[in-house]
Amino acid sequence: MSEEVRAQSEADTRSRVMRAALEEFYLWGYKGTSTKRIAERAGVNEVTIFRHFGCKSELLRAAAEQAFQELSIPIPGEEYLRLPLRASLSKFIGAYLEMPGGQTDLFTLGMSESFAQPQMAELFKSYAWQNRVNLAEYFRQMHSAGKLRETNFSVLAHIVLSAVYSLVMVKRRAPEKVSRDLKDEEVLACLVNGIACAYGAEPEGGEGEESKDQD
């Protein structure tokens, strides 16, 4: 076997182990997951895990780090600035709520394990910080475009993301009768309505027409 083929095989094995590890961590949490079960899911010998990662905590760090790097984060841009305020808010903030299943699992794992696993806390903090930076920058761009009034956009971004993050946790952990009432579209509508009413700088729906009629 050539060195190139061997290296590719090692990389494939490492990737397969990390995917299997995340699936187990999602299901059972860090404490409830064993390297034996990870090895069985990945189709490798348990020794292979320790050869590649050394220990379970390092495997969690490596797997989560790669997964967080692969996450898509909404980026502010011209496409949002061209839309009316409510449509723009719905599209940009809605992107945070439209997390696919695997991303939601990773997010929940990051939240739940951050207290016990410092490496997870750092990874999740970095991801959450970048989200806040991007959202605050989006609000600033909307202000520059004349669509939002001046306010502390970093605080506003923090408030919005706190609502999004708590929604994810509640829907994953709360009883079904509770999570069933927390529909993404209704939460999004409340956030958009609150921002538009409190900070909107452009006329709402029919207000402009009413003003013209009165004139």
C-alpha atoms as a PDB file:
ATOM      1  CA  MET A   1       0.000   0.000   0.000  1.00  0.00           C
ATOM      2  CA  SER A   2       1.444   3.391  -1.022  1.00  0.00           C
ATOM      3  CA  GLU A   3       1.872   6.203   1.500  1.00  0.00           C
ATOM      4  CA  GLU A   4      -0.819   8.238  -0.270  1.00  0.00           C
ATOM      5  CA  VAL A   5      -3.339   5.416  -0.113  1.00  0.00           C
ATOM      6  CA  ARG A   6      -2.429   4.689   3.504  1.00  0.00           C
ATOM      7  CA  ALA A   7      -2.879   8.341   4.470  1.00  0.00           C
ATOM      8  CA  GLN A   8      -6.273   8.478   2.760  1.00  0.00           C
ATOM      9  CA  SER A   9      -7.341   5.298   4.532  1.00  0.00           C
ATOM     10  CA  GLU A  10      -6.312   6.753   7.888  1.00  0.00           C
ATOM     11  CA  ALA A  11      -8.202   9.972   7.154  1.00  0.00           C
ATOM     12  CA  ASP A  12     -11.319   8.025   6.158  1.00  0.00           C
ATOM     13  CA  THR A  13     -11.136   5.983   9.346  1.00  0.00           C
ATOM     14  CA  ARG A  14     -10.701   9.086  11.482  1.00  0.00           C
ATOM     15  CA  SER A  15     -13.656  10.768   9.802  1.00  0.00           C
ATOM     16  CA  ARG A  16     -15.845   7.682  10.212  1.00  0.00           C
ATOM     17  CA  VAL A  17     -14.998   7.460  13.918  1.00  0.00           C
ATOM     18  CA  MET A  18     -15.819  11.142  14.473  1.00  0.00           C
ATOM     19  CA  ARG A  19     -19.199  10.803  12.740  1.00  0.00           C
ATOM     20  CA  ALA A  20     -20.016   7.722  14.804  1.00  0.00           C
ATOM     21  CA  ALA A  21     -18.905   9.462  17.984  1.00  0.00           C
ATOM     22  CA  LEU A  22     -21.187  12.441  17.388  1.00  0.00           C
ATOM     23  CA  GLU A  23     -24.148  10.169  16.750  1.00  0.00           C
ATOM     24  CA  GLU A  24     -23.499   8.407  20.061  1.00  0.00           C
ATOM     25  CA  PHE A  25     -22.935  11.666  21.932  1.00  0.00           C
ATOM     26  CA  TYR A  26     -26.202  13.018  20.510  1.00  0.00           C
ATOM     27  CA  LEU A  27     -28.068   9.981  21.765  1.00  0.00           C
ATOM     28  CA  TRP A  28     -26.444   9.381  25.142  1.00  0.00           C
ATOM     29  CA  GLY A  29     -24.459  12.477  26.066  1.00  0.00           C
ATOM     30  CA  TYR A  30     -20.777  12.410  26.952  1.00  0.00           C
ATOM     31  CA  LYS A  31     -21.041  10.377  30.162  1.00  0.00           C
ATOM     32  CA  GLY A  32     -23.465   7.859  28.694  1.00  0.00           C
ATOM     33  CA  THR A  33     -21.328   7.157  25.622  1.00  0.00           C
ATOM     34  CA  SER A  34     -18.672   4.446  25.608  1.00  0.00           C
ATOM     35  CA  THR A  35     -15.740   4.121  23.208  1.00  0.00           C
ATOM     36  CA  LYS A  36     -16.781   0.501  22.701  1.00  0.00           C
ATOM     37  CA  ARG A  37     -20.155   1.564  21.326  1.00  0.00           C
ATOM     38  CA  ILE A  38     -18.519   4.227  19.157  1.00  0.00           C
ATOM     39  CA  ALA A  39     -16.153   1.601  17.735  1.00  0.00           C
ATOM     40  CA  GLU A  40     -19.063  -0.714  16.949  1.00  0.00           C
ATOM     41  CA  ARG A  41     -20.974   2.052  15.164  1.00  0.00           C
ATOM     42  CA  ALA A  42     -17.880   3.077  13.188  1.00  0.00           C
ATOM     43  CA  GLY A  43     -16.969  -0.534  12.339  1.00  0.00           C
ATOM     44  CA  VAL A  44     -13.483  -0.320  13.839  1.00  0.00           C
ATOM     45  CA  ASN A  45     -11.558  -1.852  16.712  1.00  0.00           C
ATOM     46  CA  GLU A  46     -11.774   0.101  19.978  1.00  0.00           C
ATOM     47  CA  VAL A  47      -7.973   0.345  19.985  1.00  0.00           C
ATOM     48  CA  THR A  48      -8.227   2.357  16.759  1.00  0.00           C
ATOM     49  CA  ILE A  49     -10.065   5.100  18.611  1.00  0.00           C
ATOM     50  CA  PHE A  50      -7.306   5.481  21.174  1.00  0.00           C
ATOM     51  CA  ARG A  51      -4.629   5.339  18.475  1.00  0.00           C
ATOM     52  CA  HIS A  52      -6.236   8.244  16.632  1.00  0.00           C
ATOM     53  CA  PHE A  53      -7.556  10.351  19.516  1.00  0.00           C
ATOM     54  CA  GLY A  54      -5.960   9.172  22.747  1.00  0.00           C
ATOM     55  CA  CYS A  55      -9.073   9.434  24.909  1.00  0.00           C
ATOM     56  CA  LYS A  56     -12.823   9.997  24.753  1.00  0.00           C
ATOM     57  CA  SER A  57     -12.648  13.688  25.677  1.00  0.00           C
ATOM     58  CA  GLU A  58     -10.204  14.382  22.841  1.00  0.00           C
ATOM     59  CA  LEU A  59     -12.492  12.510  20.465  1.00  0.00           C
ATOM     60  CA  LEU A  60     -15.400  14.724  21.552  1.00  0.00           C
ATOM     61  CA  ARG A  61     -13.304  17.845  20.998  1.00  0.00           C
ATOM     62  CA  ALA A  62     -12.058  16.783  17.547  1.00  0.00           C
ATOM     63  CA  ALA A  63     -15.467  15.609  16.335  1.00  0.00           C
ATOM     64  CA  ALA A  64     -17.295  18.691  17.604  1.00  0.00           C
ATOM     65  CA  GLU A  65     -14.644  21.066  16.260  1.00  0.00           C
ATOM     66  CA  GLN A  66     -14.946  19.634  12.759  1.00  0.00           C
ATOM     67  CA  ALA A  67     -18.737  19.678  12.925  1.00  0.00           C
ATOM     68  CA  PHE A  68     -18.860  23.309  14.112  1.00  0.00           C
ATOM     69  CA  GLN A  69     -16.492  24.311  11.288  1.00  0.00           C
ATOM     70  CA  GLU A  70     -18.896  22.787   8.779  1.00  0.00           C
ATOM     71  CA  LEU A  71     -21.916  24.721  10.073  1.00  0.00           C
ATOM     72  CA  SER A  72     -23.379  27.382   7.830  1.00  0.00           C
ATOM     73  CA  ILE A  73     -23.770  30.812   9.435  1.00  0.00           C
ATOM     74  CA  PRO A  74     -26.006  33.452   7.814  1.00  0.00           C
ATOM     75  CA  ILE A  75     -23.902  36.227   6.271  1.00  0.00           C
ATOM     76  CA  PRO A  76     -25.304  39.763   5.882  1.00  0.00           C
ATOM     77  CA  GLY A  77     -25.413  40.978   2.307  1.00  0.00           C
ATOM     78  CA  GLU A  78     -27.175  42.916  -0.429  1.00  0.00           C
ATOM     79  CA  GLU A  79     -29.896  40.300  -0.903  1.00  0.00           C
ATOM     80  CA  TYR A  80     -31.342  41.201   2.504  1.00  0.00           C
ATOM     81  CA  LEU A  81     -30.983  44.970   2.080  1.00  0.00           C
ATOM     82  CA  ARG A  82     -33.149  44.974  -1.047  1.00  0.00           C
ATOM     83  CA  LEU A  83     -36.145  43.509   0.789  1.00  0.00           C
ATOM     84  CA  PRO A  84     -38.756  45.406   2.826  1.00  0.00           C
ATOM     85  CA  LEU A  85     -37.963  45.399   6.551  1.00  0.00           C
ATOM     86  CA  ARG A  86     -40.226  42.569   7.714  1.00  0.00           C
ATOM     87  CA  ALA A  87     -39.375  40.355   4.740  1.00  0.00           C
ATOM     88  CA  SER A  88     -35.668  40.937   5.321  1.00  0.00           C
ATOM     89  CA  LEU A  89     -35.901  40.217   9.056  1.00  0.00           C
ATOM     90  CA  SER A  90     -37.926  37.077   8.397  1.00  0.00           C
ATOM     91  CA  LYS A  91     -35.405  35.773   5.888  1.00  0.00           C
ATOM     92  CA  PHE A  92     -32.245  36.537   7.863  1.00  0.00           C
ATOM     93  CA  ILE A  93     -33.415  35.595  11.363  1.00  0.00           C
ATOM     94  CA  GLY A  94     -35.338  32.643   9.897  1.00  0.00           C
ATOM     95  CA  ALA A  95     -32.046  31.195   8.669  1.00  0.00           C
ATOM     96  CA  TYR A  96     -31.039  30.661  12.308  1.00  0.00           C
ATOM     97  CA  LEU A  97     -34.225  28.718  12.958  1.00  0.00           C
ATOM     98  CA  GLU A  98     -33.917  26.521   9.875  1.00  0.00           C
ATOM     99  CA  MET A  99     -31.230  24.238  11.273  1.00  0.00           C
ATOM    100  CA  PRO A 100     -31.213  20.702   9.850  1.00  0.00           C
ATOM    101  CA  GLY A 101     -31.507  17.806  12.298  1.00  0.00           C
ATOM    102  CA  GLY A 102     -27.783  17.128  12.608  1.00  0.00           C
ATOM    103  CA  GLN A 103     -27.002  20.785  13.202  1.00  0.00           C
ATOM    104  CA  THR A 104     -29.698  20.988  15.866  1.00  0.00           C
ATOM    105  CA  ASP A 105     -28.222  17.921  17.575  1.00  0.00           C
ATOM    106  CA  LEU A 106     -24.766  19.487  17.558  1.00  0.00           C
ATOM    107  CA  PHE A 107     -26.148  22.731  18.935  1.00  0.00           C
ATOM    108  CA  THR A 108     -27.941  20.870  21.746  1.00  0.00           C
ATOM    109  CA  LEU A 109     -24.809  18.851  22.522  1.00  0.00           C
ATOM    110  CA  GLY A 110     -22.751  22.034  22.685  1.00  0.00           C
ATOM    111  CA  MET A 111     -25.198  23.646  25.103  1.00  0.00           C
ATOM    112  CA  SER A 112     -25.621  20.627  27.356  1.00  0.00           C
ATOM    113  CA  GLU A 113     -21.947  19.630  27.572  1.00  0.00           C
ATOM    114  CA  SER A 114     -20.412  23.112  27.847  1.00  0.00           C
ATOM    115  CA  PHE A 115     -20.563  23.133  31.638  1.00  0.00           C
ATOM    116  CA  ALA A 116     -18.740  19.826  32.093  1.00  0.00           C
ATOM    117  CA  GLN A 117     -16.467  19.923  29.029  1.00  0.00           C
ATOM    118  CA  PRO A 118     -14.361  23.127  28.743  1.00  0.00           C
ATOM    119  CA  GLN A 119     -13.361  22.303  25.161  1.00  0.00           C
ATOM    120  CA  MET A 120     -17.040  22.189  24.155  1.00  0.00           C
ATOM    121  CA  ALA A 121     -17.627  25.498  25.916  1.00  0.00           C
ATOM    122  CA  GLU A 122     -14.886  27.151  23.845  1.00  0.00           C
ATOM    123  CA  LEU A 123     -16.159  25.702  20.567  1.00  0.00           C
ATOM    124  CA  PHE A 124     -19.750  26.675  21.267  1.00  0.00           C
ATOM    125  CA  LYS A 125     -18.724  30.149  22.467  1.00  0.00           C
ATOM    126  CA  SER A 126     -16.788  30.743  19.244  1.00  0.00           C
ATOM    127  CA  TYR A 127     -19.761  29.612  17.135  1.00  0.00           C
ATOM    128  CA  ALA A 128     -22.257  31.680  19.142  1.00  0.00           C
ATOM    129  CA  TRP A 129     -19.982  34.739  19.041  1.00  0.00           C
ATOM    130  CA  GLN A 130     -19.681  34.604  15.256  1.00  0.00           C
ATOM    131  CA  ASN A 131     -23.463  34.343  14.980  1.00  0.00           C
ATOM    132  CA  ARG A 132     -23.850  37.416  17.189  1.00  0.00           C
ATOM    133  CA  VAL A 133     -21.246  39.383  15.210  1.00  0.00           C
ATOM    134  CA  ASN A 134     -22.980  38.559  11.919  1.00  0.00           C
ATOM    135  CA  LEU A 135     -26.452  39.370  13.221  1.00  0.00           C
ATOM    136  CA  ALA A 136     -25.316  42.676  14.733  1.00  0.00           C
ATOM    137  CA  GLU A 137     -23.613  43.570  11.440  1.00  0.00           C
ATOM    138  CA  TYR A 138     -26.838  42.752   9.576  1.00  0.00           C
ATOM    139  CA  PHE A 139     -28.753  45.141  11.849  1.00  0.00           C
ATOM    140  CA  ARG A 140     -26.136  47.847  11.267  1.00  0.00           C
ATOM    141  CA  GLN A 141     -26.427  47.423   7.516  1.00  0.00           C
ATOM    142  CA  MET A 142     -30.197  47.673   7.775  1.00  0.00           C
ATOM    143  CA  HIS A 143     -29.751  50.878   9.788  1.00  0.00           C
ATOM    144  CA  SER A 144     -27.396  52.309   7.141  1.00  0.00           C
ATOM    145  CA  ALA A 145     -29.996  51.426   4.506  1.00  0.00           C
ATOM    146  CA  GLY A 146     -32.572  53.473   6.396  1.00  0.00           C
ATOM    147  CA  LYS A 147     -34.672  50.482   7.468  1.00  0.00           C
ATOM    148  CA  LEU A 148     -33.855  50.361  11.215  1.00  0.00           C
ATOM    149  CA  ARG A 149     -33.513  53.147  13.762  1.00  0.00           C
ATOM    150  CA  GLU A 150     -30.328  53.477  15.823  1.00  0.00           C
ATOM    151  CA  THR A 151     -30.012  51.234  18.890  1.00  0.00           C
ATOM    152  CA  ASN A 152     -27.428  48.953  20.485  1.00  0.00           C
ATOM    153  CA  PHE A 153     -27.337  46.343  17.733  1.00  0.00           C
ATOM    154  CA  SER A 154     -25.034  43.996  19.655  1.00  0.00           C
ATOM    155  CA  VAL A 155     -27.571  43.802  22.471  1.00  0.00           C
ATOM    156  CA  LEU A 156     -30.412  43.342  19.988  1.00  0.00           C
ATOM    157  CA  ALA A 157     -28.504  40.490  18.322  1.00  0.00           C
ATOM    158  CA  HIS A 158     -27.914  38.918  21.746  1.00  0.00           C
ATOM    159  CA  ILE A 159     -31.625  39.071  22.575  1.00  0.00           C
ATOM    160  CA  VAL A 160     -32.647  37.497  19.266  1.00  0.00           C
ATOM    161  CA  LEU A 161     -30.081  34.690  19.486  1.00  0.00           C
ATOM    162  CA  SER A 162     -30.996  33.987  23.117  1.00  0.00           C
ATOM    163  CA  ALA A 163     -34.562  33.395  21.961  1.00  0.00           C
ATOM    164  CA  VAL A 164     -33.365  31.140  19.125  1.00  0.00           C
ATOM    165  CA  TYR A 165     -30.987  29.133  21.332  1.00  0.00           C
ATOM    166  CA  SER A 166     -33.538  28.640  24.102  1.00  0.00           C
ATOM    167  CA  LEU A 167     -36.140  27.566  21.528  1.00  0.00           C
ATOM    168  CA  VAL A 168     -33.799  24.861  20.236  1.00  0.00           C
ATOM    169  CA  MET A 169     -33.140  23.562  23.752  1.00  0.00           C
ATOM    170  CA  VAL A 170     -36.797  23.605  24.815  1.00  0.00           C
ATOM    171  CA  LYS A 171     -37.957  21.812  21.665  1.00  0.00           C
ATOM    172  CA  ARG A 172     -35.321  19.101  22.147  1.00  0.00           C
ATOM    173  CA  ARG A 173     -35.786  18.634  25.901  1.00  0.00           C
ATOM    174  CA  ALA A 174     -39.313  19.677  26.853  1.00  0.00           C
ATOM    175  CA  PRO A 175     -42.372  17.376  26.812  1.00  0.00           C
ATOM    176  CA  GLU A 176     -44.054  17.126  23.419  1.00  0.00           C
ATOM    177  CA  LYS A 177     -47.134  19.068  24.543  1.00  0.00           C
ATOM    178  CA  VAL A 178     -44.851  22.012  25.352  1.00  0.00           C
ATOM    179  CA  SER A 179     -42.607  21.896  22.286  1.00  0.00           C
ATOM    180  CA  ARG A 180     -45.614  21.365  20.000  1.00  0.00           C
ATOM    181  CA  ASP A 181     -46.862  24.877  20.795  1.00  0.00           C
ATOM    182  CA  LEU A 182     -43.492  26.455  19.968  1.00  0.00           C
ATOM    183  CA  LYS A 183     -43.739  26.579  16.193  1.00  0.00           C
ATOM    184  CA  ASP A 184     -40.751  28.151  14.446  1.00  0.00           C
ATOM    185  CA  GLU A 185     -42.889  30.375  12.257  1.00  0.00           C
ATOM    186  CA  GLU A 186     -44.782  31.781  15.246  1.00  0.00           C
ATOM    187  CA  VAL A 187     -41.601  32.477  17.211  1.00  0.00           C
ATOM    188  CA  LEU A 188     -40.108  34.112  14.119  1.00  0.00           C
ATOM    189  CA  ALA A 189     -43.221  36.237  13.618  1.00  0.00           C
ATOM    190  CA  CYS A 190     -43.016  37.478  17.226  1.00  0.00           C
ATOM    191  CA  LEU A 191     -39.337  38.392  16.873  1.00  0.00           C
ATOM    192  CA  VAL A 192     -39.872  40.152  13.550  1.00  0.00           C
ATOM    193  CA  ASN A 193     -42.925  42.022  14.807  1.00  0.00           C
ATOM    194  CA  GLY A 194     -41.139  43.143  17.959  1.00  0.00           C
ATOM    195  CA  ILE A 195     -38.100  44.456  16.064  1.00  0.00           C
ATOM    196  CA  ALA A 196     -40.160  46.110  13.333  1.00  0.00           C
ATOM    197  CA  CYS A 197     -42.464  47.854  15.803  1.00  0.00           C
ATOM    198  CA  ALA A 198     -39.691  48.960  18.162  1.00  0.00           C
ATOM    199  CA  TYR A 199     -36.963  49.904  15.696  1.00  0.00           C
ATOM    200  CA  GLY A 200     -38.459  50.022  12.203  1.00  0.00           C
ATOM    201  CA  ALA A 201     -37.538  53.214  10.359  1.00  0.00           C
ATOM    202  CA  GLU A 202     -39.637  52.670   7.248  1.00  0.00           C
ATOM    203  CA  PRO A 203     -43.463  53.006   7.018  1.00  0.00           C
ATOM    204  CA  GLU A 204     -45.435  49.849   7.816  1.00  0.00           C
ATOM    205  CA  GLY A 205     -47.761  48.195   5.295  1.00  0.00           C
ATOM    206  CA  GLY A 206     -50.677  50.543   4.811  1.00  0.00           C
ATOM    207  CA  GLU A 207     -49.476  53.555   6.790  1.00  0.00           C
ATOM    208  CA  GLY A 208     -48.008  55.289   3.766  1.00  0.00           C
ATOM    209  CA  GLU A 209     -51.239  54.914   1.791  1.00  0.00           C
ATOM    210  CA  GLU A 210     -53.286  56.273   4.688  1.00  0.00           C
ATOM    211  CA  SER A 211     -51.051  59.339   4.892  1.00  0.00           C
ATOM    212  CA  LYS A 212     -51.445  59.961   1.168  1.00  0.00           C
ATOM    213  CA  ASP A 213     -55.243  59.686   1.413  1.00  0.00           C
ATOM    214  CA  GLN A 214     -55.324  62.179   4.274  1.00  0.00           C
ATOM    215  CA  ASP A 215     -53.164  64.608   2.306  1.00  0.00           C
END
